[in-house]
Amino acid sequence: YSAKLGTVVRRWSGEKMAYLRNWGEGWAFMSSDL
């Protein structure tokens, strides 16, 4: 979570905040309740 969000907010590696639309499990994170 922190590693990916930092990359997005810094706009590194071609990341954009528009890509956060499916943030969470859609980014291969664990289930939200865990």
Full PDB file with SEQRES, HELIX, SHEET, SSBOND, CRYST1, ORIGX, SCALE, CONECT and MASTER records, all heavy atoms in Angstrom:
SEQRES   1 A   34  TYR SER ALA LYS LEU GLY THR VAL VAL ARG ARG TRP SER          
SEQRES   2 A   34  GLY GLU LYS MET ALA TYR LEU ARG ASN TRP GLY GLU GLY          
SEQRES   3 A   34  TRP ALA PHE MET SER SER ASP LEU                              
HELIX    1 AA1 SER A    2  VAL A    9  1                                   8    
HELIX    2 AA2 MET A   17  ASN A   22  5                                   6    
HELIX    3 AA3 GLU A   25  TRP A   27  5                                   3    
CRYST1    1.000    1.000    1.000  90.00  90.00  90.00 P 1           1          
ORIGX1      1.000000  0.000000  0.000000        0.00000                         
ORIGX2      0.000000  1.000000  0.000000        0.00000                         
ORIGX3      0.000000  0.000000  1.000000        0.00000                         
SCALE1      1.000000  0.000000  0.000000        0.00000                         
SCALE2      0.000000  1.000000  0.000000        0.00000                         
SCALE3      0.000000  0.000000  1.000000        0.00000                         
ATOM      1  N   TYR A   1       0.831  -1.209   0.000  1.00  0.00           N  
ATOM      2  CA  TYR A   1       0.000   0.000   0.000  1.00  0.00           C  
ATOM      3  C   TYR A   1       0.866   1.260   0.000  1.00  0.00           C  
ATOM      4  O   TYR A   1       0.725   2.128  -0.866  1.00  0.00           O  
ATOM      5  CB  TYR A   1      -0.911  -0.025   1.231  1.00  0.00           C  
ATOM      6  CG  TYR A   1      -1.996   1.026   1.252  1.00  0.00           C  
ATOM      7  CD1 TYR A   1      -3.311   0.687   0.959  1.00  0.00           C  
ATOM      8  CD2 TYR A   1      -1.741   2.346   1.598  1.00  0.00           C  
ATOM      9  CE1 TYR A   1      -4.331   1.635   0.996  1.00  0.00           C  
ATOM     10  CE2 TYR A   1      -2.742   3.300   1.631  1.00  0.00           C  
ATOM     11  CZ  TYR A   1      -4.033   2.934   1.332  1.00  0.00           C  
ATOM     12  OH  TYR A   1      -5.038   3.874   1.367  1.00  0.00           O  
ATOM     13  N   SER A   2       1.775   1.375   0.966  1.00  0.00           N  
ATOM     14  CA  SER A   2       2.579   2.595   1.063  1.00  0.00           C  
ATOM     15  C   SER A   2       3.570   2.708  -0.081  1.00  0.00           C  
ATOM     16  O   SER A   2       3.828   3.796  -0.605  1.00  0.00           O  
ATOM     17  CB  SER A   2       3.303   2.667   2.410  1.00  0.00           C  
ATOM     18  OG  SER A   2       4.159   1.566   2.616  1.00  0.00           O  
ATOM     19  N   ALA A   3       4.130   1.572  -0.502  1.00  0.00           N  
ATOM     20  CA  ALA A   3       5.099   1.595  -1.596  1.00  0.00           C  
ATOM     21  C   ALA A   3       4.441   2.035  -2.900  1.00  0.00           C  
ATOM     22  O   ALA A   3       4.978   2.890  -3.631  1.00  0.00           O  
ATOM     23  CB  ALA A   3       5.730   0.213  -1.757  1.00  0.00           C  
ATOM     24  N   LYS A   4       3.276   1.477  -3.207  1.00  0.00           N  
ATOM     25  CA  LYS A   4       2.584   1.811  -4.456  1.00  0.00           C  
ATOM     26  C   LYS A   4       1.996   3.222  -4.408  1.00  0.00           C  
ATOM     27  O   LYS A   4       2.083   3.975  -5.396  1.00  0.00           O  
ATOM     28  CB  LYS A   4       1.473   0.795  -4.737  1.00  0.00           C  
ATOM     29  CG  LYS A   4       1.955  -0.616  -5.003  1.00  0.00           C  
ATOM     30  CD  LYS A   4       2.678  -0.734  -6.328  1.00  0.00           C  
ATOM     31  CE  LYS A   4       2.987  -2.185  -6.655  1.00  0.00           C  
ATOM     32  NZ  LYS A   4       3.728  -2.318  -7.936  1.00  0.00           N  
ATOM     33  N   LEU A   5       1.388   3.603  -3.287  1.00  0.00           N  
ATOM     34  CA  LEU A   5       0.767   4.922  -3.206  1.00  0.00           C  
ATOM     35  C   LEU A   5       1.824   6.023  -3.318  1.00  0.00           C  
ATOM     36  O   LEU A   5       1.606   7.045  -3.974  1.00  0.00           O  
ATOM     37  CB  LEU A   5      -0.035   5.069  -1.910  1.00  0.00           C  
ATOM     38  CG  LEU A   5      -0.857   6.346  -1.783  1.00  0.00           C  
ATOM     39  CD1 LEU A   5      -1.846   6.489  -2.944  1.00  0.00           C  
ATOM     40  CD2 LEU A   5      -1.615   6.375  -0.447  1.00  0.00           C  
ATOM     41  N   GLY A   6       2.978   5.815  -2.707  1.00  0.00           N  
ATOM     42  CA  GLY A   6       4.056   6.789  -2.832  1.00  0.00           C  
ATOM     43  C   GLY A   6       4.509   6.950  -4.268  1.00  0.00           C  
ATOM     44  O   GLY A   6       4.743   8.072  -4.743  1.00  0.00           O  
ATOM     45  N   THR A   7       4.613   5.842  -4.986  1.00  0.00           N  
ATOM     46  CA  THR A   7       5.016   5.891  -6.404  1.00  0.00           C  
ATOM     47  C   THR A   7       3.995   6.653  -7.239  1.00  0.00           C  
ATOM     48  O   THR A   7       4.348   7.458  -8.103  1.00  0.00           O  
ATOM     49  CB  THR A   7       5.192   4.461  -6.952  1.00  0.00           C  
ATOM     50  OG1 THR A   7       6.195   3.783  -6.190  1.00  0.00           O  
ATOM     51  CG2 THR A   7       5.622   4.480  -8.406  1.00  0.00           C  
ATOM     52  N   VAL A   8       2.702   6.423  -6.963  1.00  0.00           N  
ATOM     53  CA  VAL A   8       1.642   7.091  -7.718  1.00  0.00           C  
ATOM     54  C   VAL A   8       1.624   8.589  -7.433  1.00  0.00           C  
ATOM     55  O   VAL A   8       1.590   9.415  -8.355  1.00  0.00           O  
ATOM     56  CB  VAL A   8       0.274   6.459  -7.395  1.00  0.00           C  
ATOM     57  CG1 VAL A   8      -0.861   7.273  -8.027  1.00  0.00           C  
ATOM     58  CG2 VAL A   8       0.214   5.021  -7.883  1.00  0.00           C  
ATOM     59  N   VAL A   9       1.640   8.962  -6.149  1.00  0.00           N  
ATOM     60  CA  VAL A   9       1.550  10.381  -5.789  1.00  0.00           C  
ATOM     61  C   VAL A   9       2.791  11.143  -6.253  1.00  0.00           C  
ATOM     62  O   VAL A   9       2.716  12.309  -6.652  1.00  0.00           O  
ATOM     63  CB  VAL A   9       1.305  10.535  -4.276  1.00  0.00           C  
ATOM     64  CG1 VAL A   9       1.341  12.010  -3.860  1.00  0.00           C  
ATOM     65  CG2 VAL A   9      -0.042   9.922  -3.888  1.00  0.00           C  
ATOM     66  N   ARG A  10       3.932  10.483  -6.259  1.00  0.00           N  
ATOM     67  CA  ARG A  10       5.151  11.118  -6.779  1.00  0.00           C  
ATOM     68  C   ARG A  10       5.173  11.161  -8.316  1.00  0.00           C  
ATOM     69  O   ARG A  10       6.027  11.805  -8.901  1.00  0.00           O  
ATOM     70  CB  ARG A  10       6.390  10.354  -6.282  1.00  0.00           C  
ATOM     71  CG  ARG A  10       6.677  10.485  -4.799  1.00  0.00           C  
ATOM     72  CD  ARG A  10       7.994   9.795  -4.465  1.00  0.00           C  
ATOM     73  NE  ARG A  10       8.277   9.755  -3.040  1.00  0.00           N  
ATOM     74  CZ  ARG A  10       8.835  10.751  -2.353  1.00  0.00           C  
ATOM     75  NH1 ARG A  10       9.148  11.881  -2.974  1.00  0.00           N  
ATOM     76  NH2 ARG A  10       9.082  10.624  -1.065  1.00  0.00           N  
ATOM     77  N   ARG A  11       4.236  10.432  -8.957  1.00  0.00           N  
ATOM     78  CA  ARG A  11       4.137  10.357 -10.422  1.00  0.00           C  
ATOM     79  C   ARG A  11       5.389   9.725 -11.023  1.00  0.00           C  
ATOM     80  O   ARG A  11       5.854  10.101 -12.099  1.00  0.00           O  
ATOM     81  CB  ARG A  11       3.871  11.745 -11.035  1.00  0.00           C  
ATOM     82  CG  ARG A  11       2.622  12.415 -10.486  1.00  0.00           C  
ATOM     83  CD  ARG A  11       2.230  13.659 -11.235  1.00  0.00           C  
ATOM     84  NE  ARG A  11       3.266  14.683 -11.202  1.00  0.00           N  
ATOM     85  CZ  ARG A  11       3.108  15.933 -11.622  1.00  0.00           C  
ATOM     86  NH1 ARG A  11       1.938  16.308 -12.119  1.00  0.00           N  
ATOM     87  NH2 ARG A  11       4.100  16.807 -11.557  1.00  0.00           N  
ATOM     88  N   TRP A  12       5.919   8.745 -10.329  1.00  0.00           N  
ATOM     89  CA  TRP A  12       7.086   8.020 -10.805  1.00  0.00           C  
ATOM     90  C   TRP A  12       6.650   6.849 -11.674  1.00  0.00           C  
ATOM     91  O   TRP A  12       5.528   6.356 -11.558  1.00  0.00           O  
ATOM     92  CB  TRP A  12       7.915   7.495  -9.621  1.00  0.00           C  
ATOM     93  CG  TRP A  12       8.692   8.545  -8.887  1.00  0.00           C  
ATOM     94  CD1 TRP A  12       8.756   9.878  -9.166  1.00  0.00           C  
ATOM     95  CD2 TRP A  12       9.511   8.340  -7.727  1.00  0.00           C  
ATOM     96  NE1 TRP A  12       9.566  10.514  -8.253  1.00  0.00           N  
ATOM     97  CE2 TRP A  12      10.050   9.605  -7.374  1.00  0.00           C  
ATOM     98  CE3 TRP A  12       9.850   7.229  -6.970  1.00  0.00           C  
ATOM     99  CZ2 TRP A  12      10.899   9.774  -6.274  1.00  0.00           C  
ATOM    100  CZ3 TRP A  12      10.695   7.386  -5.882  1.00  0.00           C  
ATOM    101  CH2 TRP A  12      11.219   8.645  -5.541  1.00  0.00           C  
ATOM    102  N   SER A  13       7.568   6.370 -12.494  1.00  0.00           N  
ATOM    103  CA  SER A  13       7.382   5.139 -13.283  1.00  0.00           C  
ATOM    104  C   SER A  13       6.119   5.169 -14.139  1.00  0.00           C  
ATOM    105  O   SER A  13       5.490   4.133 -14.373  1.00  0.00           O  
ATOM    106  CB  SER A  13       7.352   3.915 -12.352  1.00  0.00           C  
ATOM    107  OG  SER A  13       8.523   3.864 -11.554  1.00  0.00           O  
ATOM    108  N   GLY A  14       5.720   6.368 -14.578  1.00  0.00           N  
ATOM    109  CA  GLY A  14       4.548   6.483 -15.431  1.00  0.00           C  
ATOM    110  C   GLY A  14       3.224   6.318 -14.713  1.00  0.00           C  
ATOM    111  O   GLY A  14       2.162   6.272 -15.361  1.00  0.00           O  
ATOM    112  N   GLU A  15       3.246   6.239 -13.380  1.00  0.00           N  
ATOM    113  CA  GLU A  15       2.000   6.067 -12.620  1.00  0.00           C  
ATOM    114  C   GLU A  15       1.190   7.366 -12.602  1.00  0.00           C  
ATOM    115  O   GLU A  15       1.749   8.469 -12.598  1.00  0.00           O  
ATOM    116  CB  GLU A  15       2.296   5.620 -11.189  1.00  0.00           C  
ATOM    117  CG  GLU A  15       2.951   4.246 -11.088  1.00  0.00           C  
ATOM    118  CD  GLU A  15       1.989   3.104 -11.346  1.00  0.00           C  
ATOM    119  OE1 GLU A  15       0.831   3.356 -11.724  1.00  0.00           O  
ATOM    120  OE2 GLU A  15       2.395   1.940 -11.167  1.00  0.00           O  
ATOM    121  N   LYS A  16      -0.125   7.219 -12.591  1.00  0.00           N  
ATOM    122  CA  LYS A  16      -1.043   8.361 -12.535  1.00  0.00           C  
ATOM    123  C   LYS A  16      -2.103   8.102 -11.474  1.00  0.00           C  
ATOM    124  O   LYS A  16      -2.498   6.954 -11.239  1.00  0.00           O  
ATOM    125  CB  LYS A  16      -1.723   8.554 -13.892  1.00  0.00           C  
ATOM    126  CG  LYS A  16      -0.770   8.824 -15.043  1.00  0.00           C  
ATOM    127  CD  LYS A  16      -1.539   8.899 -16.358  1.00  0.00           C  
ATOM    128  CE  LYS A  16      -0.591   9.140 -17.528  1.00  0.00           C  
ATOM    129  NZ  LYS A  16      -1.319   9.190 -18.828  1.00  0.00           N  
ATOM    130  N   MET A  17      -2.604   9.162 -10.879  1.00  0.00           N  
ATOM    131  CA  MET A  17      -3.649   8.991  -9.870  1.00  0.00           C  
ATOM    132  C   MET A  17      -4.940   8.469 -10.488  1.00  0.00           C  
ATOM    133  O   MET A  17      -5.757   7.861  -9.791  1.00  0.00           O  
ATOM    134  CB  MET A  17      -3.873  10.296  -9.117  1.00  0.00           C  
ATOM    135  CG  MET A  17      -2.646  10.681  -8.287  1.00  0.00           C  
ATOM    136  SD  MET A  17      -2.944  11.926  -7.023  1.00  0.00           S  
ATOM    137  CE  MET A  17      -3.848  10.984  -5.795  1.00  0.00           C  
ATOM    138  N   ALA A  18      -5.106   8.661 -11.787  1.00  0.00           N  
ATOM    139  CA  ALA A  18      -6.273   8.084 -12.463  1.00  0.00           C  
ATOM    140  C   ALA A  18      -6.314   6.567 -12.322  1.00  0.00           C  
ATOM    141  O   ALA A  18      -7.393   5.956 -12.338  1.00  0.00           O  
ATOM    142  CB  ALA A  18      -6.255   8.467 -13.947  1.00  0.00           C  
ATOM    143  N   TYR A  19      -5.141   5.957 -12.156  1.00  0.00           N  
ATOM    144  CA  TYR A  19      -5.071   4.496 -12.031  1.00  0.00           C  
ATOM    145  C   TYR A  19      -5.576   3.997 -10.670  1.00  0.00           C  
ATOM    146  O   TYR A  19      -5.715   2.789 -10.468  1.00  0.00           O  
ATOM    147  CB  TYR A  19      -3.631   4.004 -12.235  1.00  0.00           C  
ATOM    148  CG  TYR A  19      -3.012   4.344 -13.577  1.00  0.00           C  
ATOM    149  CD1 TYR A  19      -1.635   4.346 -13.741  1.00  0.00           C  
ATOM    150  CD2 TYR A  19      -3.797   4.666 -14.681  1.00  0.00           C  
ATOM    151  CE1 TYR A  19      -1.047   4.654 -14.967  1.00  0.00           C  
ATOM    152  CE2 TYR A  19      -3.228   4.984 -15.909  1.00  0.00           C  
ATOM    153  CZ  TYR A  19      -1.848   4.971 -16.048  1.00  0.00           C  
ATOM    154  OH  TYR A  19      -1.274   5.281 -17.255  1.00  0.00           O  
ATOM    155  N   LEU A  20      -5.846   4.931  -9.750  1.00  0.00           N  
ATOM    156  CA  LEU A  20      -6.299   4.533  -8.412  1.00  0.00           C  
ATOM    157  C   LEU A  20      -7.786   4.154  -8.386  1.00  0.00           C  
ATOM    158  O   LEU A  20      -8.313   3.817  -7.326  1.00  0.00           O  
ATOM    159  CB  LEU A  20      -6.048   5.661  -7.405  1.00  0.00           C  
ATOM    160  CG  LEU A  20      -4.580   6.052  -7.189  1.00  0.00           C  
ATOM    161  CD1 LEU A  20      -4.482   7.267  -6.275  1.00  0.00           C  
ATOM    162  CD2 LEU A  20      -3.795   4.878  -6.600  1.00  0.00           C  
ATOM    163  N   ARG A  21      -8.420   4.199  -9.535  1.00  0.00           N  
ATOM    164  CA  ARG A  21      -9.858   3.895  -9.597  1.00  0.00           C  
ATOM    165  C   ARG A  21     -10.172   2.540  -8.983  1.00  0.00           C  
ATOM    166  O   ARG A  21     -11.194   2.370  -8.306  1.00  0.00           O  
ATOM    167  CB  ARG A  21     -10.333   3.948 -11.047  1.00  0.00           C  
ATOM    168  CG  ARG A  21     -11.820   3.708 -11.207  1.00  0.00           C  
ATOM    169  CD  ARG A  21     -12.297   3.862 -12.642  1.00  0.00           C  
ATOM    170  NE  ARG A  21     -13.755   3.918 -12.697  1.00  0.00           N  
ATOM    171  CZ  ARG A  21     -14.440   4.758 -13.451  1.00  0.00           C  
ATOM    172  NH1 ARG A  21     -13.801   5.638 -14.202  1.00  0.00           N  
ATOM    173  NH2 ARG A  21     -15.759   4.739 -13.440  1.00  0.00           N  
ATOM    174  N   ASN A  22      -9.319   1.548  -9.208  1.00  0.00           N  
ATOM    175  CA  ASN A  22      -9.571   0.207  -8.644  1.00  0.00           C  
ATOM    176  C   ASN A  22      -8.601  -0.095  -7.504  1.00  0.00           C  
ATOM    177  O   ASN A  22      -8.221  -1.247  -7.279  1.00  0.00           O  
ATOM    178  CB  ASN A  22      -9.482  -0.856  -9.733  1.00  0.00           C  
ATOM    179  CG  ASN A  22      -8.058  -0.995 -10.290  1.00  0.00           C  
ATOM    180  OD1 ASN A  22      -7.262  -0.065 -10.218  1.00  0.00           O  
ATOM    181  ND2 ASN A  22      -7.741  -2.161 -10.842  1.00  0.00           N  
ATOM    182  N   TRP A  23      -8.213   0.928  -6.768  1.00  0.00           N  
ATOM    183  CA  TRP A  23      -7.272   0.807  -5.653  1.00  0.00           C  
ATOM    184  C   TRP A  23      -7.752  -0.236  -4.644  1.00  0.00           C  
ATOM    185  O   TRP A  23      -8.938  -0.343  -4.355  1.00  0.00           O  
ATOM    186  CB  TRP A  23      -7.140   2.159  -4.967  1.00  0.00           C  
ATOM    187  CG  TRP A  23      -6.139   2.245  -3.858  1.00  0.00           C  
ATOM    188  CD1 TRP A  23      -6.412   2.457  -2.528  1.00  0.00           C  
ATOM    189  CD2 TRP A  23      -4.712   2.166  -3.958  1.00  0.00           C  
ATOM    190  NE1 TRP A  23      -5.245   2.518  -1.812  1.00  0.00           N  
ATOM    191  CE2 TRP A  23      -4.188   2.340  -2.656  1.00  0.00           C  
ATOM    192  CE3 TRP A  23      -3.827   1.952  -5.008  1.00  0.00           C  
ATOM    193  CZ2 TRP A  23      -2.823   2.310  -2.382  1.00  0.00           C  
ATOM    194  CZ3 TRP A  23      -2.464   1.928  -4.750  1.00  0.00           C  
ATOM    195  CH2 TRP A  23      -1.976   2.105  -3.452  1.00  0.00           C  
ATOM    196  N   GLY A  24      -6.801  -0.963  -4.106  1.00  0.00           N  
ATOM    197  CA  GLY A  24      -7.138  -1.997  -3.124  1.00  0.00           C  
ATOM    198  C   GLY A  24      -6.888  -3.367  -3.708  1.00  0.00           C  
ATOM    199  O   GLY A  24      -5.814  -3.634  -4.277  1.00  0.00           O  
ATOM    200  N   GLU A  25      -7.884  -4.228  -3.608  1.00  0.00           N  
ATOM    201  CA  GLU A  25      -7.724  -5.578  -4.134  1.00  0.00           C  
ATOM    202  C   GLU A  25      -7.382  -5.589  -5.620  1.00  0.00           C  
ATOM    203  O   GLU A  25      -6.704  -6.488  -6.106  1.00  0.00           O  
ATOM    204  CB  GLU A  25      -8.999  -6.393  -3.882  1.00  0.00           C  
ATOM    205  CG  GLU A  25      -9.266  -6.715  -2.426  1.00  0.00           C  
ATOM    206  CD  GLU A  25     -10.163  -5.720  -1.720  1.00  0.00           C  
ATOM    207  OE1 GLU A  25     -10.323  -4.596  -2.257  1.00  0.00           O  
ATOM    208  OE2 GLU A  25     -10.694  -6.040  -0.649  1.00  0.00           O  
ATOM    209  N   GLY A  26      -7.839  -4.545  -6.344  1.00  0.00           N  
ATOM    210  CA  GLY A  26      -7.545  -4.441  -7.767  1.00  0.00           C  
ATOM    211  C   GLY A  26      -6.076  -4.228  -8.070  1.00  0.00           C  
ATOM    212  O   GLY A  26      -5.638  -4.386  -9.213  1.00  0.00           O  
ATOM    213  N   TRP A  27      -5.317  -3.876  -7.056  1.00  0.00           N  
ATOM    214  CA  TRP A  27      -3.863  -3.717  -7.191  1.00  0.00           C  
ATOM    215  C   TRP A  27      -3.122  -4.915  -6.595  1.00  0.00           C  
ATOM    216  O   TRP A  27      -1.947  -4.817  -6.249  1.00  0.00           O  
ATOM    217  CB  TRP A  27      -3.411  -2.422  -6.504  1.00  0.00           C  
ATOM    218  CG  TRP A  27      -3.698  -1.190  -7.306  1.00  0.00           C  
ATOM    219  CD1 TRP A  27      -4.916  -0.749  -7.742  1.00  0.00           C  
ATOM    220  CD2 TRP A  27      -2.741  -0.235  -7.775  1.00  0.00           C  
ATOM    221  NE1 TRP A  27      -4.785   0.423  -8.440  1.00  0.00           N  
ATOM    222  CE2 TRP A  27      -3.453   0.767  -8.480  1.00  0.00           C  
ATOM    223  CE3 TRP A  27      -1.360  -0.124  -7.654  1.00  0.00           C  
ATOM    224  CZ2 TRP A  27      -2.819   1.861  -9.069  1.00  0.00           C  
ATOM    225  CZ3 TRP A  27      -0.732   0.973  -8.242  1.00  0.00           C  
ATOM    226  CH2 TRP A  27      -1.455   1.950  -8.951  1.00  0.00           C  
ATOM    227  N   ALA A  28      -3.818  -6.013  -6.465  1.00  0.00           N  
ATOM    228  CA  ALA A  28      -3.263  -7.256  -5.913  1.00  0.00           C  
ATOM    229  C   ALA A  28      -2.905  -7.119  -4.441  1.00  0.00           C  
ATOM    230  O   ALA A  28      -1.987  -7.774  -3.944  1.00  0.00           O  
ATOM    231  CB  ALA A  28      -2.046  -7.726  -6.713  1.00  0.00           C  
ATOM    232  N   PHE A  29      -3.660  -6.268  -3.732  1.00  0.00           N  
ATOM    233  CA  PHE A  29      -3.516  -6.194  -2.279  1.00  0.00           C  
ATOM    234  C   PHE A  29      -4.377  -7.281  -1.633  1.00  0.00           C  
ATOM    235  O   PHE A  29      -5.281  -7.827  -2.264  1.00  0.00           O  
ATOM    236  CB  PHE A  29      -3.988  -4.831  -1.750  1.00  0.00           C  
ATOM    237  CG  PHE A  29      -3.194  -3.658  -2.247  1.00  0.00           C  
ATOM    238  CD1 PHE A  29      -3.647  -2.370  -2.019  1.00  0.00           C  
ATOM    239  CD2 PHE A  29      -2.004  -3.803  -2.937  1.00  0.00           C  
ATOM    240  CE1 PHE A  29      -2.943  -1.266  -2.457  1.00  0.00           C  
ATOM    241  CE2 PHE A  29      -1.275  -2.709  -3.388  1.00  0.00           C  
ATOM    242  CZ  PHE A  29      -1.747  -1.428  -3.151  1.00  0.00           C  
ATOM    243  N   MET A  30      -4.099  -7.551  -0.375  1.00  0.00           N  
ATOM    244  CA  MET A  30      -4.925  -8.500   0.378  1.00  0.00           C  
ATOM    245  C   MET A  30      -6.334  -7.939   0.563  1.00  0.00           C  
ATOM    246  O   MET A  30      -6.581  -6.747   0.344  1.00  0.00           O  
ATOM    247  CB  MET A  30      -4.283  -8.805   1.737  1.00  0.00           C  
ATOM    248  CG  MET A  30      -4.233  -7.616   2.682  1.00  0.00           C  
ATOM    249  SD  MET A  30      -3.313  -7.938   4.224  1.00  0.00           S  
ATOM    250  CE  MET A  30      -1.619  -7.999   3.647  1.00  0.00           C  
ATOM    251  N   SER A  31      -7.249  -8.786   0.986  1.00  0.00           N  
ATOM    252  CA  SER A  31      -8.627  -8.368   1.214  1.00  0.00           C  
ATOM    253  C   SER A  31      -8.669  -7.217   2.216  1.00  0.00           C  
ATOM    254  O   SER A  31      -7.931  -7.200   3.198  1.00  0.00           O  
ATOM    255  CB  SER A  31      -9.442  -9.547   1.733  1.00  0.00           C  
ATOM    256  OG  SER A  31     -10.750  -9.146   2.078  1.00  0.00           O  
ATOM    257  N   SER A  32      -9.552  -6.246   1.962  1.00  0.00           N  
ATOM    258  CA  SER A  32      -9.624  -5.043   2.788  1.00  0.00           C  
ATOM    259  C   SER A  32      -9.823  -5.352   4.267  1.00  0.00           C  
ATOM    260  O   SER A  32      -9.254  -4.691   5.140  1.00  0.00           O  
ATOM    261  CB  SER A  32     -10.768  -4.157   2.292  1.00  0.00           C  
ATOM    262  OG  SER A  32     -10.923  -3.015   3.101  1.00  0.00           O  
ATOM    263  N   ASP A  33     -10.621  -6.376   4.575  1.00  0.00           N  
ATOM    264  CA  ASP A  33     -10.925  -6.676   5.974  1.00  0.00           C  
ATOM    265  C   ASP A  33      -9.753  -7.339   6.701  1.00  0.00           C  
ATOM    266  O   ASP A  33      -9.822  -7.564   7.914  1.00  0.00           O  
ATOM    267  CB  ASP A  33     -12.177  -7.530   6.100  1.00  0.00           C  
ATOM    268  CG  ASP A  33     -12.077  -8.852   5.347  1.00  0.00           C  
ATOM    269  OD1 ASP A  33     -11.109  -9.038   4.573  1.00  0.00           O  
ATOM    270  OD2 ASP A  33     -12.956  -9.703   5.544  1.00  0.00           O  
ATOM    271  N   LEU A  34      -8.682  -7.637   5.973  1.00  0.00           N  
ATOM    272  CA  LEU A  34      -7.491  -8.223   6.585  1.00  0.00           C  
ATOM    273  C   LEU A  34      -6.344  -7.219   6.719  1.00  0.00           C  
ATOM    274  O   LEU A  34      -5.377  -7.469   7.444  1.00  0.00           O  
ATOM    275  CB  LEU A  34      -6.993  -9.405   5.741  1.00  0.00           C  
ATOM    276  CG  LEU A  34      -7.904 -10.626   5.674  1.00  0.00           C  
ATOM    277  CD1 LEU A  34      -7.403 -11.581   4.598  1.00  0.00           C  
ATOM    278  CD2 LEU A  34      -7.974 -11.326   7.025  1.00  0.00           C  
TER     279      LEU A  34                                                      
MASTER        0    0    0    3    0    0    0    6  278    1    0    3          
END                                                                             
